[in-house]
PDB file of N, CA and C in Angstrom:
ATOM      1  N   MET A   1     -10.906   1.524   6.697  1.00  0.00           N
ATOM      2  CA  MET A   1      -9.538   1.954   6.895  1.00  0.00           C
ATOM      3  C   MET A   1      -8.671   1.391   5.783  1.00  0.00           C
ATOM      4  N   LYS A   2      -7.739   2.225   5.360  1.00  0.00           N
ATOM      5  CA  LYS A   2      -6.795   1.821   4.327  1.00  0.00           C
ATOM      6  C   LYS A   2      -5.395   1.826   4.944  1.00  0.00           C
ATOM      7  N   PHE A   3      -4.605   0.829   4.574  1.00  0.00           N
ATOM      8  CA  PHE A   3      -3.279   0.671   5.162  1.00  0.00           C
ATOM      9  C   PHE A   3      -2.191   0.650   4.103  1.00  0.00           C
ATOM     10  N   LEU A   4      -1.001   1.086   4.512  1.00  0.00           N
ATOM     11  CA  LEU A   4       0.193   0.987   3.689  1.00  0.00           C
ATOM     12  C   LEU A   4       1.232   0.257   4.529  1.00  0.00           C
ATOM     13  N   ALA A   5       1.596  -0.936   4.094  1.00  0.00           N
ATOM     14  CA  ALA A   5       2.575  -1.744   4.821  1.00  0.00           C
ATOM     15  C   ALA A   5       3.979  -1.348   4.391  1.00  0.00           C
ATOM     16  N   ASN A   6       4.764  -0.869   5.331  1.00  0.00           N
ATOM     17  CA  ASN A   6       6.158  -0.539   5.053  1.00  0.00           C
ATOM     18  C   ASN A   6       6.904  -1.807   4.669  1.00  0.00           C
ATOM     19  N   GLU A   7       8.097  -1.662   4.100  1.00  0.00           N
ATOM     20  CA  GLU A   7       8.818  -2.826   3.587  1.00  0.00           C
ATOM     21  C   GLU A   7       9.226  -3.820   4.672  1.00  0.00           C
ATOM     22  N   ASN A   8       9.211  -3.428   5.923  1.00  0.00           N
ATOM     23  CA  ASN A   8       9.569  -4.367   6.989  1.00  0.00           C
ATOM     24  C   ASN A   8       8.352  -5.060   7.609  1.00  0.00           C
ATOM     25  N   PHE A   9       7.168  -4.748   7.122  1.00  0.00           N
ATOM     26  CA  PHE A   9       5.953  -5.365   7.648  1.00  0.00           C
ATOM     27  C   PHE A   9       5.820  -6.753   7.022  1.00  0.00           C
ATOM     28  N   PRO A  10       5.599  -7.799   7.816  1.00  0.00           N
ATOM     29  CA  PRO A  10       5.656  -9.181   7.328  1.00  0.00           C
ATOM     30  C   PRO A  10       4.583  -9.519   6.284  1.00  0.00           C
ATOM     31  N   ASN A  11       5.016 -10.170   5.215  1.00  0.00           N
ATOM     32  CA  ASN A  11       4.105 -10.582   4.151  1.00  0.00           C
ATOM     33  C   ASN A  11       2.953 -11.451   4.636  1.00  0.00           C
ATOM     34  N   PRO A  12       3.170 -12.400   5.564  1.00  0.00           N
ATOM     35  CA  PRO A  12       2.030 -13.187   6.045  1.00  0.00           C
ATOM     36  C   PRO A  12       0.948 -12.325   6.709  1.00  0.00           C
ATOM     37  N   SER A  13       1.357 -11.244   7.359  1.00  0.00           N
ATOM     38  CA  SER A  13       0.381 -10.334   7.962  1.00  0.00           C
ATOM     39  C   SER A  13      -0.366  -9.557   6.883  1.00  0.00           C
ATOM     40  N   ILE A  14       0.336  -9.129   5.857  1.00  0.00           N
ATOM     41  CA  ILE A  14      -0.307  -8.433   4.741  1.00  0.00           C
ATOM     42  C   ILE A  14      -1.329  -9.353   4.087  1.00  0.00           C
ATOM     43  N   LYS A  15      -0.919 -10.562   3.819  1.00  0.00           N
ATOM     44  CA  LYS A  15      -1.810 -11.542   3.180  1.00  0.00           C
ATOM     45  C   LYS A  15      -3.053 -11.792   4.043  1.00  0.00           C
ATOM     46  N   ALA A  16      -2.862 -11.953   5.338  1.00  0.00           N
ATOM     47  CA  ALA A  16      -3.987 -12.215   6.245  1.00  0.00           C
ATOM     48  C   ALA A  16      -4.982 -11.050   6.228  1.00  0.00           C
ATOM     49  N   LEU A  17      -4.476  -9.829   6.237  1.00  0.00           N
ATOM     50  CA  LEU A  17      -5.359  -8.660   6.216  1.00  0.00           C
ATOM     51  C   LEU A  17      -6.105  -8.552   4.884  1.00  0.00           C
ATOM     52  N   LYS A  18      -5.416  -8.836   3.787  1.00  0.00           N
ATOM     53  CA  LYS A  18      -6.073  -8.820   2.473  1.00  0.00           C
ATOM     54  C   LYS A  18      -7.170  -9.864   2.403  1.00  0.00           C
ATOM     55  N   GLU A  19      -6.901 -11.055   2.941  1.00  0.00           N
ATOM     56  CA  GLU A  19      -7.888 -12.137   2.921  1.00  0.00           C
ATOM     57  C   GLU A  19      -9.135 -11.784   3.731  1.00  0.00           C
ATOM     58  N   LEU A  20      -8.970 -10.915   4.716  1.00  0.00           N
ATOM     59  CA  LEU A  20     -10.107 -10.462   5.525  1.00  0.00           C
ATOM     60  C   LEU A  20     -10.823  -9.272   4.886  1.00  0.00           C
ATOM     61  N   GLY A  21     -10.336  -8.832   3.734  1.00  0.00           N
ATOM     62  CA  GLY A  21     -10.997  -7.774   2.993  1.00  0.00           C
ATOM     63  C   GLY A  21     -10.483  -6.367   3.241  1.00  0.00           C
ATOM     64  N   TYR A  22      -9.386  -6.221   3.970  1.00  0.00           N
ATOM     65  CA  TYR A  22      -8.844  -4.894   4.233  1.00  0.00           C
ATOM     66  C   TYR A  22      -8.100  -4.360   3.020  1.00  0.00           C
ATOM     67  N   ASP A  23      -8.182  -3.058   2.828  1.00  0.00           N
ATOM     68  CA  ASP A  23      -7.501  -2.370   1.750  1.00  0.00           C
ATOM     69  C   ASP A  23      -6.078  -2.087   2.223  1.00  0.00           C
ATOM     70  N   ILE A  24      -5.141  -2.902   1.782  1.00  0.00           N
ATOM     71  CA  ILE A  24      -3.753  -2.765   2.193  1.00  0.00           C
ATOM     72  C   ILE A  24      -2.851  -2.911   0.978  1.00  0.00           C
ATOM     73  N   VAL A  25      -1.924  -1.968   0.850  1.00  0.00           N
ATOM     74  CA  VAL A  25      -0.907  -2.034  -0.196  1.00  0.00           C
ATOM     75  C   VAL A  25       0.445  -2.147   0.492  1.00  0.00           C
ATOM     76  N   SER A  26       1.418  -2.622  -0.272  1.00  0.00           N
ATOM     77  CA  SER A  26       2.727  -2.898   0.296  1.00  0.00           C
ATOM     78  C   SER A  26       3.821  -2.168  -0.471  1.00  0.00           C
ATOM     79  N   VAL A  27       4.723  -1.540   0.265  1.00  0.00           N
ATOM     80  CA  VAL A  27       5.881  -0.896  -0.352  1.00  0.00           C
ATOM     81  C   VAL A  27       6.658  -1.922  -1.156  1.00  0.00           C
ATOM     82  N   ASN A  28       6.866  -3.113  -0.599  1.00  0.00           N
ATOM     83  CA  ASN A  28       7.636  -4.147  -1.302  1.00  0.00           C
ATOM     84  C   ASN A  28       7.025  -4.518  -2.639  1.00  0.00           C
ATOM     85  N   ASP A  29       5.714  -4.589  -2.696  1.00  0.00           N
ATOM     86  CA  ASP A  29       5.048  -5.007  -3.925  1.00  0.00           C
ATOM     87  C   ASP A  29       4.919  -3.885  -4.944  1.00  0.00           C
ATOM     88  N   ASP A  30       4.664  -2.665  -4.472  1.00  0.00           N
ATOM     89  CA  ASP A  30       4.314  -1.583  -5.383  1.00  0.00           C
ATOM     90  C   ASP A  30       5.425  -0.577  -5.664  1.00  0.00           C
ATOM     91  N   ARG A  31       6.246  -0.290  -4.661  1.00  0.00           N
ATOM     92  CA  ARG A  31       7.304   0.727  -4.836  1.00  0.00           C
ATOM     93  C   ARG A  31       8.527   0.385  -3.986  1.00  0.00           C
ATOM     94  N   PRO A  32       9.169  -0.738  -4.265  1.00  0.00           N
ATOM     95  CA  PRO A  32      10.306  -1.139  -3.423  1.00  0.00           C
ATOM     96  C   PRO A  32      11.426  -0.091  -3.425  1.00  0.00           C
ATOM     97  N   SER A  33      12.078   0.020  -2.299  1.00  0.00           N
ATOM     98  CA  SER A  33      13.258   0.876  -2.108  1.00  0.00           C
ATOM     99  C   SER A  33      12.971   2.368  -2.081  1.00  0.00           C
ATOM    100  N   ILE A  34      11.704   2.787  -1.912  1.00  0.00           N
ATOM    101  CA  ILE A  34      11.461   4.226  -1.782  1.00  0.00           C
ATOM    102  C   ILE A  34      11.856   4.669  -0.379  1.00  0.00           C
ATOM    103  N   THR A  35      12.078   5.954  -0.230  1.00  0.00           N
ATOM    104  CA  THR A  35      12.498   6.491   1.069  1.00  0.00           C
ATOM    105  C   THR A  35      11.313   6.552   2.031  1.00  0.00           C
ATOM    106  N   ASP A  36      11.621   6.699   3.302  1.00  0.00           N
ATOM    107  CA  ASP A  36      10.570   6.848   4.316  1.00  0.00           C
ATOM    108  C   ASP A  36       9.719   8.079   4.032  1.00  0.00           C
ATOM    109  N   GLU A  37      10.350   9.158   3.589  1.00  0.00           N
ATOM    110  CA  GLU A  37       9.613  10.377   3.276  1.00  0.00           C
ATOM    111  C   GLU A  37       8.626  10.135   2.131  1.00  0.00           C
ATOM    112  N   GLU A  38       9.027   9.341   1.143  1.00  0.00           N
ATOM    113  CA  GLU A  38       8.136   9.008   0.031  1.00  0.00           C
ATOM    114  C   GLU A  38       6.979   8.127   0.502  1.00  0.00           C
ATOM    115  N   VAL A  39       7.252   7.250   1.461  1.00  0.00           N
ATOM    116  CA  VAL A  39       6.194   6.422   2.034  1.00  0.00           C
ATOM    117  C   VAL A  39       5.158   7.320   2.705  1.00  0.00           C
ATOM    118  N   VAL A  40       5.613   8.307   3.451  1.00  0.00           N
ATOM    119  CA  VAL A  40       4.699   9.236   4.137  1.00  0.00           C
ATOM    120  C   VAL A  40       3.859  10.006   3.117  1.00  0.00           C
ATOM    121  N   LYS A  41       4.490  10.493   2.061  1.00  0.00           N
ATOM    122  CA  LYS A  41       3.751  11.225   1.019  1.00  0.00           C
ATOM    123  C   LYS A  41       2.701  10.326   0.370  1.00  0.00           C
ATOM    124  N   TRP A  42       3.066   9.094   0.088  1.00  0.00           N
ATOM    125  CA  TRP A  42       2.145   8.128  -0.519  1.00  0.00           C
ATOM    126  C   TRP A  42       0.951   7.886   0.404  1.00  0.00           C
ATOM    127  N   ALA A  43       1.253   7.636   1.685  1.00  0.00           N
ATOM    128  CA  ALA A  43       0.186   7.383   2.660  1.00  0.00           C
ATOM    129  C   ALA A  43      -0.749   8.584   2.754  1.00  0.00           C
ATOM    130  N   ASN A  44      -0.201   9.784   2.805  1.00  0.00           N
ATOM    131  CA  ASN A  44      -1.027  10.991   2.887  1.00  0.00           C
ATOM    132  C   ASN A  44      -1.874  11.169   1.637  1.00  0.00           C
ATOM    133  N   ALA A  45      -1.284  10.943   0.479  1.00  0.00           N
ATOM    134  CA  ALA A  45      -2.001  11.131  -0.788  1.00  0.00           C
ATOM    135  C   ALA A  45      -3.204  10.193  -0.907  1.00  0.00           C
ATOM    136  N   GLU A  46      -3.081   8.988  -0.336  1.00  0.00           N
ATOM    137  CA  GLU A  46      -4.146   7.991  -0.462  1.00  0.00           C
ATOM    138  C   GLU A  46      -4.940   7.791   0.824  1.00  0.00           C
ATOM    139  N   GLY A  47      -4.638   8.573   1.859  1.00  0.00           N
ATOM    140  CA  GLY A  47      -5.361   8.448   3.122  1.00  0.00           C
ATOM    141  C   GLY A  47      -5.147   7.098   3.789  1.00  0.00           C
ATOM    142  N   ARG A  48      -3.918   6.630   3.791  1.00  0.00           N
ATOM    143  CA  ARG A  48      -3.587   5.319   4.359  1.00  0.00           C
ATOM    144  C   ARG A  48      -2.854   5.467   5.692  1.00  0.00           C
ATOM    145  N   ILE A  49      -3.004   4.468   6.533  1.00  0.00           N
ATOM    146  CA  ILE A  49      -2.290   4.382   7.805  1.00  0.00           C
ATOM    147  C   ILE A  49      -1.052   3.527   7.568  1.00  0.00           C
ATOM    148  N   ILE A  50       0.113   4.053   7.932  1.00  0.00           N
ATOM    149  CA  ILE A  50       1.360   3.307   7.745  1.00  0.00           C
ATOM    150  C   ILE A  50       1.496   2.260   8.843  1.00  0.00           C
ATOM    151  N   LEU A  51       1.825   1.033   8.438  1.00  0.00           N
ATOM    152  CA  LEU A  51       2.120  -0.061   9.357  1.00  0.00           C
ATOM    153  C   LEU A  51       3.613  -0.340   9.246  1.00  0.00           C
ATOM    154  N   THR A  52       4.330  -0.236  10.359  1.00  0.00           N
ATOM    155  CA  THR A  52       5.782  -0.338  10.267  1.00  0.00           C
ATOM    156  C   THR A  52       6.415  -0.871  11.551  1.00  0.00           C
ATOM    157  N   PHE A  53       7.627  -1.351  11.404  1.00  0.00           N
ATOM    158  CA  PHE A  53       8.490  -1.698  12.527  1.00  0.00           C
ATOM    159  C   PHE A  53       9.677  -0.735  12.587  1.00  0.00           C
ATOM    160  N   ASP A  54       9.621   0.347  11.821  1.00  0.00           N
ATOM    161  CA  ASP A  54      10.707   1.316  11.684  1.00  0.00           C
ATOM    162  C   ASP A  54      10.433   2.535  12.558  1.00  0.00           C
ATOM    163  N   ARG A  55      11.280   2.764  13.542  1.00  0.00           N
ATOM    164  CA  ARG A  55      11.072   3.874  14.473  1.00  0.00           C
ATOM    165  C   ARG A  55      11.337   5.243  13.861  1.00  0.00           C
ATOM    166  N   ASP A  56      11.933   5.290  12.679  1.00  0.00           N
ATOM    167  CA  ASP A  56      12.219   6.567  12.033  1.00  0.00           C
ATOM    168  C   ASP A  56      10.957   7.359  11.709  1.00  0.00           C
ATOM    169  N   TYR A  57       9.820   6.693  11.604  1.00  0.00           N
ATOM    170  CA  TYR A  57       8.593   7.399  11.263  1.00  0.00           C
ATOM    171  C   TYR A  57       8.164   8.365  12.359  1.00  0.00           C
ATOM    172  N   GLY A  58       8.496   8.073  13.583  1.00  0.00           N
ATOM    173  CA  GLY A  58       8.189   9.003  14.666  1.00  0.00           C
ATOM    174  C   GLY A  58       8.910  10.325  14.463  1.00  0.00           C
ATOM    175  N   GLU A  59      10.167  10.254  14.098  1.00  0.00           N
ATOM    176  CA  GLU A  59      10.941  11.468  13.852  1.00  0.00           C
ATOM    177  C   GLU A  59      10.371  12.241  12.664  1.00  0.00           C
ATOM    178  N   ILE A  60      10.060  11.535  11.597  1.00  0.00           N
ATOM    179  CA  ILE A  60       9.515  12.205  10.409  1.00  0.00           C
ATOM    180  C   ILE A  60       8.208  12.906  10.752  1.00  0.00           C
ATOM    181  N   VAL A  61       7.311  12.210  11.400  1.00  0.00           N
ATOM    182  CA  VAL A  61       5.991  12.762  11.706  1.00  0.00           C
ATOM    183  C   VAL A  61       6.082  13.944  12.663  1.00  0.00           C
ATOM    184  N   PHE A  62       6.852  13.812  13.736  1.00  0.00           N
ATOM    185  CA  PHE A  62       6.855  14.857  14.756  1.00  0.00           C
ATOM    186  C   PHE A  62       7.853  15.985  14.480  1.00  0.00           C
ATOM    187  N   ARG A  63       8.986  15.679  13.916  1.00  0.00           N
ATOM    188  CA  ARG A  63       9.947  16.742  13.608  1.00  0.00           C
ATOM    189  C   ARG A  63       9.434  17.650  12.501  1.00  0.00           C
ATOM    190  N   TYR A  64       8.854  17.029  11.471  1.00  0.00           N
ATOM    191  CA  TYR A  64       8.398  17.801  10.316  1.00  0.00           C
ATOM    192  C   TYR A  64       6.899  18.107  10.353  1.00  0.00           C
ATOM    193  N   LYS A  65       6.262  17.731  11.471  1.00  0.00           N
ATOM    194  CA  LYS A  65       4.839  18.012  11.690  1.00  0.00           C
ATOM    195  C   LYS A  65       3.978  17.543  10.523  1.00  0.00           C
ATOM    196  N   VAL A  66       4.129  16.267  10.204  1.00  0.00           N
ATOM    197  CA  VAL A  66       3.376  15.643   9.123  1.00  0.00           C
ATOM    198  C   VAL A  66       2.215  14.866   9.730  1.00  0.00           C
ATOM    199  N   SER A  67       1.007  15.210   9.366  1.00  0.00           N
ATOM    200  CA  SER A  67      -0.165  14.504   9.886  1.00  0.00           C
ATOM    201  C   SER A  67      -0.388  13.221   9.101  1.00  0.00           C
ATOM    202  N   CYS A  68       0.328  12.198   9.476  1.00  0.00           N
ATOM    203  CA  CYS A  68       0.241  10.907   8.811  1.00  0.00           C
ATOM    204  C   CYS A  68       0.074   9.831   9.885  1.00  0.00           C
ATOM    205  N   SER A  69      -1.045   9.155   9.871  1.00  0.00           N
ATOM    206  CA  SER A  69      -1.305   8.127  10.881  1.00  0.00           C
ATOM    207  C   SER A  69      -0.330   6.971  10.708  1.00  0.00           C
ATOM    208  N   VAL A  70       0.212   6.514  11.837  1.00  0.00           N
ATOM    209  CA  VAL A  70       1.208   5.439  11.824  1.00  0.00           C
ATOM    210  C   VAL A  70       0.911   4.482  12.969  1.00  0.00           C
ATOM    211  N   VAL A  71       1.060   3.186  12.687  1.00  0.00           N
ATOM    212  CA  VAL A  71       1.080   2.183  13.746  1.00  0.00           C
ATOM    213  C   VAL A  71       2.488   1.611  13.730  1.00  0.00           C
ATOM    214  N   PHE A  72       3.234   1.904  14.796  1.00  0.00           N
ATOM    215  CA  PHE A  72       4.619   1.473  14.930  1.00  0.00           C
ATOM    216  C   PHE A  72       4.654   0.292  15.887  1.00  0.00           C
ATOM    217  N   PHE A  73       4.998  -0.867  15.344  1.00  0.00           N
ATOM    218  CA  PHE A  73       5.101  -2.096  16.122  1.00  0.00           C
ATOM    219  C   PHE A  73       6.538  -2.229  16.604  1.00  0.00           C
ATOM    220  N   ARG A  74       6.730  -2.360  17.912  1.00  0.00           N
ATOM    221  CA  ARG A  74       8.075  -2.520  18.469  1.00  0.00           C
ATOM    222  C   ARG A  74       8.398  -3.980  18.752  1.00  0.00           C
ATOM    223  N   ASP A  75       7.396  -4.835  18.667  1.00  0.00           N
ATOM    224  CA  ASP A  75       7.572  -6.255  18.972  1.00  0.00           C
ATOM    225  C   ASP A  75       7.111  -7.072  17.768  1.00  0.00           C
ATOM    226  N   LYS A  76       7.973  -7.906  17.237  1.00  0.00           N
ATOM    227  CA  LYS A  76       7.652  -8.702  16.048  1.00  0.00           C
ATOM    228  C   LYS A  76       6.654  -9.815  16.334  1.00  0.00           C
ATOM    229  N   GLY A  77       6.519 -10.211  17.575  1.00  0.00           N
ATOM    230  CA  GLY A  77       5.596 -11.293  17.902  1.00  0.00           C
ATOM    231  C   GLY A  77       6.212 -12.655  17.637  1.00  0.00           C
ATOM    232  N   GLU A  78       5.441 -13.677  17.903  1.00  0.00           N
ATOM    233  CA  GLU A  78       5.950 -15.044  17.777  1.00  0.00           C
ATOM    234  C   GLU A  78       5.966 -15.548  16.342  1.00  0.00           C
ATOM    235  N   LYS A  79       5.027 -15.069  15.518  1.00  0.00           N
ATOM    236  CA  LYS A  79       4.915 -15.530  14.134  1.00  0.00           C
ATOM    237  C   LYS A  79       4.826 -14.321  13.212  1.00  0.00           C
ATOM    238  N   PRO A  80       5.136 -14.514  11.928  1.00  0.00           N
ATOM    239  CA  PRO A  80       5.008 -13.400  10.985  1.00  0.00           C
ATOM    240  C   PRO A  80       3.578 -12.867  10.858  1.00  0.00           C
ATOM    241  N   SER A  81       2.597 -13.654  11.227  1.00  0.00           N
ATOM    242  CA  SER A  81       1.208 -13.189  11.165  1.00  0.00           C
ATOM    243  C   SER A  81       0.779 -12.471  12.453  1.00  0.00           C
ATOM    244  N   SER A  82       1.659 -12.409  13.429  1.00  0.00           N
ATOM    245  CA  SER A  82       1.325 -11.767  14.712  1.00  0.00           C
ATOM    246  C   SER A  82       0.946 -10.299  14.558  1.00  0.00           C
ATOM    247  N   ALA A  83       1.604  -9.597  13.658  1.00  0.00           N
ATOM    248  CA  ALA A  83       1.305  -8.173  13.473  1.00  0.00           C
ATOM    249  C   ALA A  83      -0.134  -7.979  13.012  1.00  0.00           C
ATOM    250  N   ALA A  84      -0.612  -8.839  12.116  1.00  0.00           N
ATOM    251  CA  ALA A  84      -2.005  -8.741  11.655  1.00  0.00           C
ATOM    252  C   ALA A  84      -2.961  -8.976  12.815  1.00  0.00           C
ATOM    253  N   ASN A  85      -2.684  -9.964  13.619  1.00  0.00           N
ATOM    254  CA  ASN A  85      -3.550 -10.255  14.769  1.00  0.00           C
ATOM    255  C   ASN A  85      -3.580  -9.081  15.749  1.00  0.00           C
ATOM    256  N   THR A  86      -2.430  -8.493  15.992  1.00  0.00           N
ATOM    257  CA  THR A  86      -2.351  -7.341  16.886  1.00  0.00           C
ATOM    258  C   THR A  86      -3.132  -6.167  16.313  1.00  0.00           C
ATOM    259  N   LEU A  87      -2.977  -5.920  15.014  1.00  0.00           N
ATOM    260  CA  LEU A  87      -3.697  -4.821  14.383  1.00  0.00           C
ATOM    261  C   LEU A  87      -5.206  -5.029  14.470  1.00  0.00           C
ATOM    262  N   LEU A  88      -5.668  -6.245  14.248  1.00  0.00           N
ATOM    263  CA  LEU A  88      -7.100  -6.533  14.342  1.00  0.00           C
ATOM    264  C   LEU A  88      -7.626  -6.250  15.745  1.00  0.00           C
ATOM    265  N   GLU A  89      -6.862  -6.615  16.761  1.00  0.00           N
ATOM    266  CA  GLU A  89      -7.247  -6.323  18.144  1.00  0.00           C
ATOM    267  C   GLU A  89      -7.304  -4.813  18.385  1.00  0.00           C
ATOM    268  N   LEU A  90      -6.316  -4.087  17.851  1.00  0.00           N
ATOM    269  CA  LEU A  90      -6.281  -2.630  18.021  1.00  0.00           C
ATOM    270  C   LEU A  90      -7.511  -1.981  17.412  1.00  0.00           C
ATOM    271  N   MET A  91      -7.878  -2.410  16.214  1.00  0.00           N
ATOM    272  CA  MET A  91      -9.004  -1.790  15.511  1.00  0.00           C
ATOM    273  C   MET A  91     -10.319  -1.976  16.261  1.00  0.00           C
ATOM    274  N   ASN A  92     -10.382  -2.989  17.097  1.00  0.00           N
ATOM    275  CA  ASN A  92     -11.589  -3.220  17.883  1.00  0.00           C
ATOM    276  C   ASN A  92     -11.635  -2.391  19.161  1.00  0.00           C
ATOM    277  N   THR A  93     -10.506  -1.781  19.528  1.00  0.00           N
ATOM    278  CA  THR A  93     -10.463  -1.093  20.818  1.00  0.00           C
ATOM    279  C   THR A  93     -10.129   0.390  20.755  1.00  0.00           C
ATOM    280  N   ILE A  94      -9.371   0.817  19.742  1.00  0.00           N
ATOM    281  CA  ILE A  94      -8.954   2.221  19.693  1.00  0.00           C
ATOM    282  C   ILE A  94      -9.079   2.768  18.275  1.00  0.00           C
ATOM    283  N   LYS A  95      -9.048   4.084  18.203  1.00  0.00           N
ATOM    284  CA  LYS A  95      -9.057   4.769  16.914  1.00  0.00           C
ATOM    285  C   LYS A  95      -7.611   4.908  16.437  1.00  0.00           C
ATOM    286  N   LEU A  96      -7.365   4.600  15.175  1.00  0.00           N
ATOM    287  CA  LEU A  96      -6.013   4.694  14.623  1.00  0.00           C
ATOM    288  C   LEU A  96      -5.813   5.939  13.758  1.00  0.00           C
ATOM    289  N   GLU A  97      -6.872   6.383  13.096  1.00  0.00           N
ATOM    290  CA  GLU A  97      -6.752   7.558  12.236  1.00  0.00           C
ATOM    291  C   GLU A  97      -6.494   8.798  13.082  1.00  0.00           C
ATOM    292  N   GLY A  98      -5.490   9.574  12.643  1.00  0.00           N
ATOM    293  CA  GLY A  98      -5.179  10.805  13.358  1.00  0.00           C
ATOM    294  C   GLY A  98      -4.248  10.621  14.541  1.00  0.00           C
ATOM    295  N   TYR A  99      -3.635   9.462  14.638  1.00  0.00           N
ATOM    296  CA  TYR A  99      -2.749   9.161  15.772  1.00  0.00           C
ATOM    297  C   TYR A  99      -1.456   8.500  15.310  1.00  0.00           C
ATOM    298  N   PHE A 100      -0.418   8.721  16.097  1.00  0.00           N
ATOM    299  CA  PHE A 100       0.803   7.926  16.002  1.00  0.00           C
ATOM    300  C   PHE A 100       0.676   6.917  17.132  1.00  0.00           C
ATOM    301  N   THR A 101       0.580   5.647  16.774  1.00  0.00           N
ATOM    302  CA  THR A 101       0.332   4.587  17.745  1.00  0.00           C
ATOM    303  C   THR A 101       1.572   3.716  17.871  1.00  0.00           C
ATOM    304  N   VAL A 102       2.003   3.475  19.095  1.00  0.00           N
ATOM    305  CA  VAL A 102       3.138   2.597  19.371  1.00  0.00           C
ATOM    306  C   VAL A 102       2.621   1.372  20.105  1.00  0.00           C
ATOM    307  N   VAL A 103       2.979   0.202  19.566  1.00  0.00           N
ATOM    308  CA  VAL A 103       2.555  -1.058  20.166  1.00  0.00           C
ATOM    309  C   VAL A 103       3.805  -1.821  20.586  1.00  0.00           C
ATOM    310  N   ASP A 104       3.876  -2.167  21.879  1.00  0.00           N
ATOM    311  CA  ASP A 104       4.989  -2.996  22.346  1.00  0.00           C
ATOM    312  C   ASP A 104       4.479  -3.988  23.386  1.00  0.00           C
ATOM    313  N   LYS A 105       5.394  -4.734  23.971  1.00  0.00           N
ATOM    314  CA  LYS A 105       5.011  -5.768  24.939  1.00  0.00           C
ATOM    315  C   LYS A 105       4.322  -5.198  26.169  1.00  0.00           C
ATOM    316  N   ASN A 106       4.602  -3.931  26.480  1.00  0.00           N
ATOM    317  CA  ASN A 106       4.039  -3.306  27.674  1.00  0.00           C
ATOM    318  C   ASN A 106       2.685  -2.654  27.445  1.00  0.00           C
ATOM    319  N   GLY A 107       2.255  -2.595  26.192  1.00  0.00           N
ATOM    320  CA  GLY A 107       0.959  -1.997  25.924  1.00  0.00           C
ATOM    321  C   GLY A 107       0.948  -1.126  24.684  1.00  0.00           C
ATOM    322  N   ILE A 108       0.042  -0.170  24.699  1.00  0.00           N
ATOM    323  CA  ILE A 108      -0.196   0.711  23.563  1.00  0.00           C
ATOM    324  C   ILE A 108      -0.093   2.151  24.046  1.00  0.00           C
ATOM    325  N   ARG A 109       0.608   2.970  23.265  1.00  0.00           N
ATOM    326  CA  ARG A 109       0.670   4.398  23.531  1.00  0.00           C
ATOM    327  C   ARG A 109       0.238   5.119  22.266  1.00  0.00           C
ATOM    328  N   GLN A 110      -0.464   6.205  22.428  1.00  0.00           N
ATOM    329  CA  GLN A 110      -0.901   6.972  21.279  1.00  0.00           C
ATOM    330  C   GLN A 110      -0.639   8.451  21.514  1.00  0.00           C
ATOM    331  N   ARG A 111      -0.338   9.117  20.425  1.00  0.00           N
ATOM    332  CA  ARG A 111      -0.197  10.558  20.456  1.00  0.00           C
ATOM    333  C   ARG A 111      -1.012  11.107  19.294  1.00  0.00           C
ATOM    334  N   GLU A 112      -1.929  11.994  19.618  1.00  0.00           N
ATOM    335  CA  GLU A 112      -2.772  12.576  18.584  1.00  0.00           C
ATOM    336  C   GLU A 112      -1.940  13.499  17.704  1.00  0.00           C
ATOM    337  N   LEU A 113      -2.220  13.457  16.414  1.00  0.00           N
ATOM    338  CA  LEU A 113      -1.501  14.286  15.452  1.00  0.00           C
ATOM    339  C   LEU A 113      -2.252  15.595  15.260  1.00  0.00           C
ATOM    340  N   LYS A 114      -1.835  16.608  16.022  1.00  0.00           N
ATOM    341  CA  LYS A 114      -2.451  17.938  15.944  1.00  0.00           C
ATOM    342  C   LYS A 114      -1.373  18.928  15.550  1.00  0.00           C
ATOM    343  N   PHE A 115      -1.311  19.221  14.296  1.00  0.00           N
ATOM    344  CA  PHE A 115      -0.302  20.174  13.839  1.00  0.00           C
ATOM    345  C   PHE A 115      -0.971  21.337  13.147  1.00  0.00           C
TER     346      PHE A 115
END
């Protein structure tokens, strides 16, 4: 799996995932200040799953019927590395490709991207 960390995704989580060998790039490091639409195009072009805390991606994906896998975290967790830990748990239990996944304190919701 390849990931694209949106600019609000915590650097300690990005670092932790890289150290574990995951292919992850960061908007902050590679293309700071690009629009959400540009992030979606980038993710689609490279087959990456967007990791974000920005709820606007739901609107982009579903309103414009863009098949772009997204993991939307609604809870920041206790530490900046919490998002990485949550993602690792998700990858062991569910499929992320082809889905818009919402993670919050109450659980996980997924919607398959069929457009």
